[in-house]
Amino acid sequence: MDARLLIVDDDPIGRSFLADNLTADGFVVLEAGTVEAGKRLLQTRMLDLAIIDLGLPDGDGLALLRHVRESDRALGRVDPDLPLIVLSGRGTEVDRVRGFDRGADDYVCKPFSYPELLRRIAVRLRRAGQTAAGARVRVGPLELDALARQVWIDSELVELTSKEFSLLRTLASDPVRVFTREELLKIVWGWDVSVAGSSRTLDGHASRLRRKLRREGVKLVVNVWGVGYRLTDGTGR
């Protein structure tokens, strides 16, 4: 799946130029022109990297960097490890140091070379992929970030309870196979086999999870009658 990038820049011409080129190079690009618009996208979209300008009309981009880095991994809606590149006209040593202090992974000054920026993006994505190997799972339209404890369907954030997330994470660990009721109750709830045989807790959580993940009638969580549950990619296989 193509990497998804967020550009936060109040210059519509420059932002459009960068977005058009990145799209042509195979990226999925989201755009924001303010700090608040950037925060909304950071909180509701599954992103692989963000490019942030510092001079924004409703605040400083440094605050947006801090917002990402100080997000609560377990309870927040933003991935605190998201790769961040500052792209700014502020090029003094003090500005660059402040950017890195607030959490920037890289700092590029305007005017910039697009080929160089493209290579810097590739480096950050590669390093992030190596660091988070196994932390993110993608199955069809579903995306799960185990570290941030967040789930997206078609890039839209889905609110899950702690047990619903744990159940989904277990199913997503091996979407090919069917997990038995006994396995799921032991892994997610810590119950033994004697309790598992009579409990309806699993069925209730699975039913709510299935409703939350359903898109256009496609079921991602499937009940295998008499056995347990499994996860599908929504293609009918």
Foldseek 3Di string as FASTA:
>chain_A
DAAEEEEEAQPVVVVVVLCVVVVVVPHHYDYHDALVVVVVLQQWFDHQAYEYEQDGPPHGSLVSLLCLLPADLAPGRHNNPRAYEYEYQDDDPVVVVSSVVSPHPYYHHPPGDSVVVVVVVVVSSVVVCVVQPPQWFDFAQWIAGNRSLWIDGVGGTFDDDPLLSQLVVVQRVDQPDFDFQQRSCCRRVVDHPVVSVPDCVQVVSLVVSQVRRDDPNFGQWDADPPGHIHGHNRPPD
